């Protein structure tokens, strides 16, 4: 596999919007659930959102529900994260990856049991939100 390529980050004021894109190569893209992760300065990378292989199901962590929207275009091997009403706490480097879900962790895991399934991470795209 080749690392995914993320783009679309930037610097915005609080309340602003950005649209992130990720192009992931490979014949398995259309059969894979995809997810977005983020890593804030000095913190571990954490899960943000996921979308099923068909695009029919989505999942978000509580802090971004109602503000972020994940979507995908299987014909273009692209997954998108539309981010509205951005807040300073959204500042991070954002990454995408193939994901799967551990059903045993759904109830106990704040990430809903979602985890990355590929060791190939891209460079990420920086999102900075000023207050």
C-alpha atoms as a PDB file:
ATOM      1  CA  UNK A   1       0.000   0.000   0.000  1.00  0.00           C
ATOM      2  CA  UNK A   2       0.992   3.599  -0.536  1.00  0.00           C
ATOM      3  CA  UNK A   3       0.551   6.264   2.102  1.00  0.00           C
ATOM      4  CA  UNK A   4      -2.647   8.276   1.783  1.00  0.00           C
ATOM      5  CA  UNK A   5      -2.307  11.929   0.817  1.00  0.00           C
ATOM      6  CA  UNK A   6      -4.175  14.471   2.912  1.00  0.00           C
ATOM      7  CA  UNK A   7      -4.791  18.094   1.942  1.00  0.00           C
ATOM      8  CA  UNK A   8      -6.988  21.082   2.652  1.00  0.00           C
ATOM      9  CA  UNK A   9      -5.717  22.238   6.026  1.00  0.00           C
ATOM     10  CA  UNK A  10      -4.991  25.821   6.925  1.00  0.00           C
ATOM     11  CA  UNK A  11      -5.372  28.604   9.449  1.00  0.00           C
ATOM     12  CA  UNK A  12      -8.876  29.822  10.236  1.00  0.00           C
ATOM     13  CA  UNK A  13     -10.556  31.890  12.905  1.00  0.00           C
ATOM     14  CA  UNK A  14     -12.883  30.268  15.379  1.00  0.00           C
ATOM     15  CA  UNK A  15     -16.252  29.602  13.804  1.00  0.00           C
ATOM     16  CA  UNK A  16     -14.718  29.142  10.377  1.00  0.00           C
ATOM     17  CA  UNK A  17     -14.806  26.148   8.046  1.00  0.00           C
ATOM     18  CA  UNK A  18     -12.360  23.915   6.213  1.00  0.00           C
ATOM     19  CA  UNK A  19     -12.719  20.915   3.938  1.00  0.00           C
ATOM     20  CA  UNK A  20     -10.080  18.213   4.165  1.00  0.00           C
ATOM     21  CA  UNK A  21      -9.491  15.647   1.451  1.00  0.00           C
ATOM     22  CA  UNK A  22      -7.671  12.348   1.468  1.00  0.00           C
ATOM     23  CA  UNK A  23      -6.710  10.327  -1.573  1.00  0.00           C
ATOM     24  CA  UNK A  24      -5.945   6.713  -0.763  1.00  0.00           C
ATOM     25  CA  UNK A  25      -4.574   4.385  -3.391  1.00  0.00           C
ATOM     26  CA  UNK A  26      -5.242   0.676  -3.674  1.00  0.00           C
ATOM     27  CA  UNK A  27      -7.852  -1.620  -5.123  1.00  0.00           C
ATOM     28  CA  UNK A  28      -9.352  -2.205  -1.673  1.00  0.00           C
ATOM     29  CA  UNK A  29     -10.422   1.409  -1.116  1.00  0.00           C
ATOM     30  CA  UNK A  30     -14.037   0.874  -2.138  1.00  0.00           C
ATOM     31  CA  UNK A  31     -14.341  -2.132   0.185  1.00  0.00           C
ATOM     32  CA  UNK A  32     -12.732  -0.438   3.183  1.00  0.00           C
ATOM     33  CA  UNK A  33     -14.199   1.716   5.898  1.00  0.00           C
ATOM     34  CA  UNK A  34     -12.216   4.944   6.129  1.00  0.00           C
ATOM     35  CA  UNK A  35     -11.558   7.231   9.029  1.00  0.00           C
ATOM     36  CA  UNK A  36     -10.057  10.535  10.031  1.00  0.00           C
ATOM     37  CA  UNK A  37      -7.722  10.962  12.985  1.00  0.00           C
ATOM     38  CA  UNK A  38      -6.044  14.005  14.497  1.00  0.00           C
ATOM     39  CA  UNK A  39      -3.005  14.681  16.615  1.00  0.00           C
ATOM     40  CA  UNK A  40      -2.791  17.847  18.665  1.00  0.00           C
ATOM     41  CA  UNK A  41       0.603  19.208  19.782  1.00  0.00           C
ATOM     42  CA  UNK A  42       2.065  17.053  22.522  1.00  0.00           C
ATOM     43  CA  UNK A  43      -0.777  14.550  22.407  1.00  0.00           C
ATOM     44  CA  UNK A  44      -1.424  11.138  20.912  1.00  0.00           C
ATOM     45  CA  UNK A  45      -3.231  10.665  17.631  1.00  0.00           C
ATOM     46  CA  UNK A  46      -6.945  10.080  18.201  1.00  0.00           C
ATOM     47  CA  UNK A  47      -9.901   8.956  16.135  1.00  0.00           C
ATOM     48  CA  UNK A  48     -12.353  11.593  14.859  1.00  0.00           C
ATOM     49  CA  UNK A  49     -14.786  10.114  12.345  1.00  0.00           C
ATOM     50  CA  UNK A  50     -15.438   7.055  10.196  1.00  0.00           C
ATOM     51  CA  UNK A  51     -17.466   6.140   7.128  1.00  0.00           C
ATOM     52  CA  UNK A  52     -18.467   2.708   5.892  1.00  0.00           C
ATOM     53  CA  UNK A  53     -17.248   1.322   2.581  1.00  0.00           C
ATOM     54  CA  UNK A  54     -20.485   2.258   0.814  1.00  0.00           C
ATOM     55  CA  UNK A  55     -20.782   5.612   2.541  1.00  0.00           C
ATOM     56  CA  UNK A  56     -24.105   4.650   4.025  1.00  0.00           C
ATOM     57  CA  UNK A  57     -22.992   4.791   7.663  1.00  0.00           C
ATOM     58  CA  UNK A  58     -20.956   7.367   9.505  1.00  0.00           C
ATOM     59  CA  UNK A  59     -19.639   7.758  13.051  1.00  0.00           C
ATOM     60  CA  UNK A  60     -18.283  10.776  14.917  1.00  0.00           C
ATOM     61  CA  UNK A  61     -16.763  11.383  18.288  1.00  0.00           C
ATOM     62  CA  UNK A  62     -19.008  13.473  20.506  1.00  0.00           C
ATOM     63  CA  UNK A  63     -16.924  16.649  20.321  1.00  0.00           C
ATOM     64  CA  UNK A  64     -17.364  16.999  16.544  1.00  0.00           C
ATOM     65  CA  UNK A  65     -20.939  15.765  16.105  1.00  0.00           C
ATOM     66  CA  UNK A  66     -23.056  18.344  14.322  1.00  0.00           C
ATOM     67  CA  UNK A  67     -19.967  20.243  13.144  1.00  0.00           C
ATOM     68  CA  UNK A  68     -18.014  17.736  11.024  1.00  0.00           C
ATOM     69  CA  UNK A  69     -19.280  15.661   8.085  1.00  0.00           C
ATOM     70  CA  UNK A  70     -17.386  12.756   6.572  1.00  0.00           C
ATOM     71  CA  UNK A  71     -18.098  11.600   3.020  1.00  0.00           C
ATOM     72  CA  UNK A  72     -16.427   9.577   0.296  1.00  0.00           C
ATOM     73  CA  UNK A  73     -16.216   9.170  -3.466  1.00  0.00           C
ATOM     74  CA  UNK A  74     -15.202   5.614  -4.311  1.00  0.00           C
ATOM     75  CA  UNK A  75     -14.758   6.453  -7.983  1.00  0.00           C
ATOM     76  CA  UNK A  76     -11.997   8.883  -6.998  1.00  0.00           C
ATOM     77  CA  UNK A  77     -10.607   6.953  -4.010  1.00  0.00           C
ATOM     78  CA  UNK A  78     -11.268  10.056  -1.923  1.00  0.00           C
ATOM     79  CA  UNK A  79     -12.620  10.640   1.554  1.00  0.00           C
ATOM     80  CA  UNK A  80     -13.556  14.144   2.680  1.00  0.00           C
ATOM     81  CA  UNK A  81     -14.023  15.807   6.049  1.00  0.00           C
ATOM     82  CA  UNK A  82     -16.128  18.967   6.024  1.00  0.00           C
ATOM     83  CA  UNK A  83     -15.458  20.910   9.216  1.00  0.00           C
ATOM     84  CA  UNK A  84     -17.739  23.741  10.274  1.00  0.00           C
ATOM     85  CA  UNK A  85     -17.783  25.977  13.338  1.00  0.00           C
ATOM     86  CA  UNK A  86     -14.158  25.165  14.037  1.00  0.00           C
ATOM     87  CA  UNK A  87     -12.884  25.748  17.545  1.00  0.00           C
ATOM     88  CA  UNK A  88      -9.334  26.240  18.883  1.00  0.00           C
ATOM     89  CA  UNK A  89      -9.454  22.736  20.372  1.00  0.00           C
ATOM     90  CA  UNK A  90      -9.760  21.362  16.828  1.00  0.00           C
ATOM     91  CA  UNK A  91      -6.197  22.502  16.143  1.00  0.00           C
ATOM     92  CA  UNK A  92      -4.217  19.422  15.124  1.00  0.00           C
ATOM     93  CA  UNK A  93      -2.632  17.556  12.259  1.00  0.00           C
ATOM     94  CA  UNK A  94      -5.351  15.522  10.549  1.00  0.00           C
ATOM     95  CA  UNK A  95      -4.759  12.100   9.008  1.00  0.00           C
ATOM     96  CA  UNK A  96      -6.867   9.535   7.212  1.00  0.00           C
ATOM     97  CA  UNK A  97      -6.533   5.757   7.243  1.00  0.00           C
ATOM     98  CA  UNK A  98      -8.422   2.590   6.650  1.00  0.00           C
ATOM     99  CA  UNK A  99     -10.338   1.617   9.770  1.00  0.00           C
ATOM    100  CA  UNK A 100     -12.177  -1.234  11.360  1.00  0.00           C
ATOM    101  CA  UNK A 101     -14.269  -1.523  14.473  1.00  0.00           C
ATOM    102  CA  UNK A 102     -13.795  -3.727  17.512  1.00  0.00           C
ATOM    103  CA  UNK A 103     -17.355  -4.631  18.470  1.00  0.00           C
ATOM    104  CA  UNK A 104     -16.218  -5.627  21.961  1.00  0.00           C
ATOM    105  CA  UNK A 105     -15.125  -2.045  22.640  1.00  0.00           C
ATOM    106  CA  UNK A 106     -18.144  -0.147  21.355  1.00  0.00           C
ATOM    107  CA  UNK A 107     -19.645   0.439  24.778  1.00  0.00           C
ATOM    108  CA  UNK A 108     -16.450   1.100  26.680  1.00  0.00           C
ATOM    109  CA  UNK A 109     -14.276   2.985  24.180  1.00  0.00           C
ATOM    110  CA  UNK A 110     -14.826   6.755  23.721  1.00  0.00           C
ATOM    111  CA  UNK A 111     -13.690   6.202  20.134  1.00  0.00           C
ATOM    112  CA  UNK A 112     -16.518   3.736  19.627  1.00  0.00           C
ATOM    113  CA  UNK A 113     -14.053   0.891  19.072  1.00  0.00           C
ATOM    114  CA  UNK A 114     -12.688   2.288  15.789  1.00  0.00           C
ATOM    115  CA  UNK A 115      -9.008   1.675  15.032  1.00  0.00           C
ATOM    116  CA  UNK A 116      -6.659   2.099  12.039  1.00  0.00           C
ATOM    117  CA  UNK A 117      -5.916  -1.029  10.025  1.00  0.00           C
ATOM    118  CA  UNK A 118      -2.951   0.173   7.992  1.00  0.00           C
ATOM    119  CA  UNK A 119       0.555   1.027   9.161  1.00  0.00           C
ATOM    120  CA  UNK A 120       0.872   3.438   6.246  1.00  0.00           C
ATOM    121  CA  UNK A 121       0.177   6.971   7.455  1.00  0.00           C
ATOM    122  CA  UNK A 122       0.433  10.028   5.263  1.00  0.00           C
ATOM    123  CA  UNK A 123       2.018  13.363   6.117  1.00  0.00           C
ATOM    124  CA  UNK A 124      -1.257  14.698   7.397  1.00  0.00           C
ATOM    125  CA  UNK A 125      -2.611  18.204   6.958  1.00  0.00           C
ATOM    126  CA  UNK A 126      -2.327  20.931   9.582  1.00  0.00           C
ATOM    127  CA  UNK A 127      -5.468  22.615  10.853  1.00  0.00           C
ATOM    128  CA  UNK A 128      -4.966  25.659  13.055  1.00  0.00           C
ATOM    129  CA  UNK A 129      -7.880  27.532  14.606  1.00  0.00           C
ATOM    130  CA  UNK A 130      -7.360  30.881  16.263  1.00  0.00           C
ATOM    131  CA  UNK A 131      -9.591  32.191  19.011  1.00  0.00           C
END
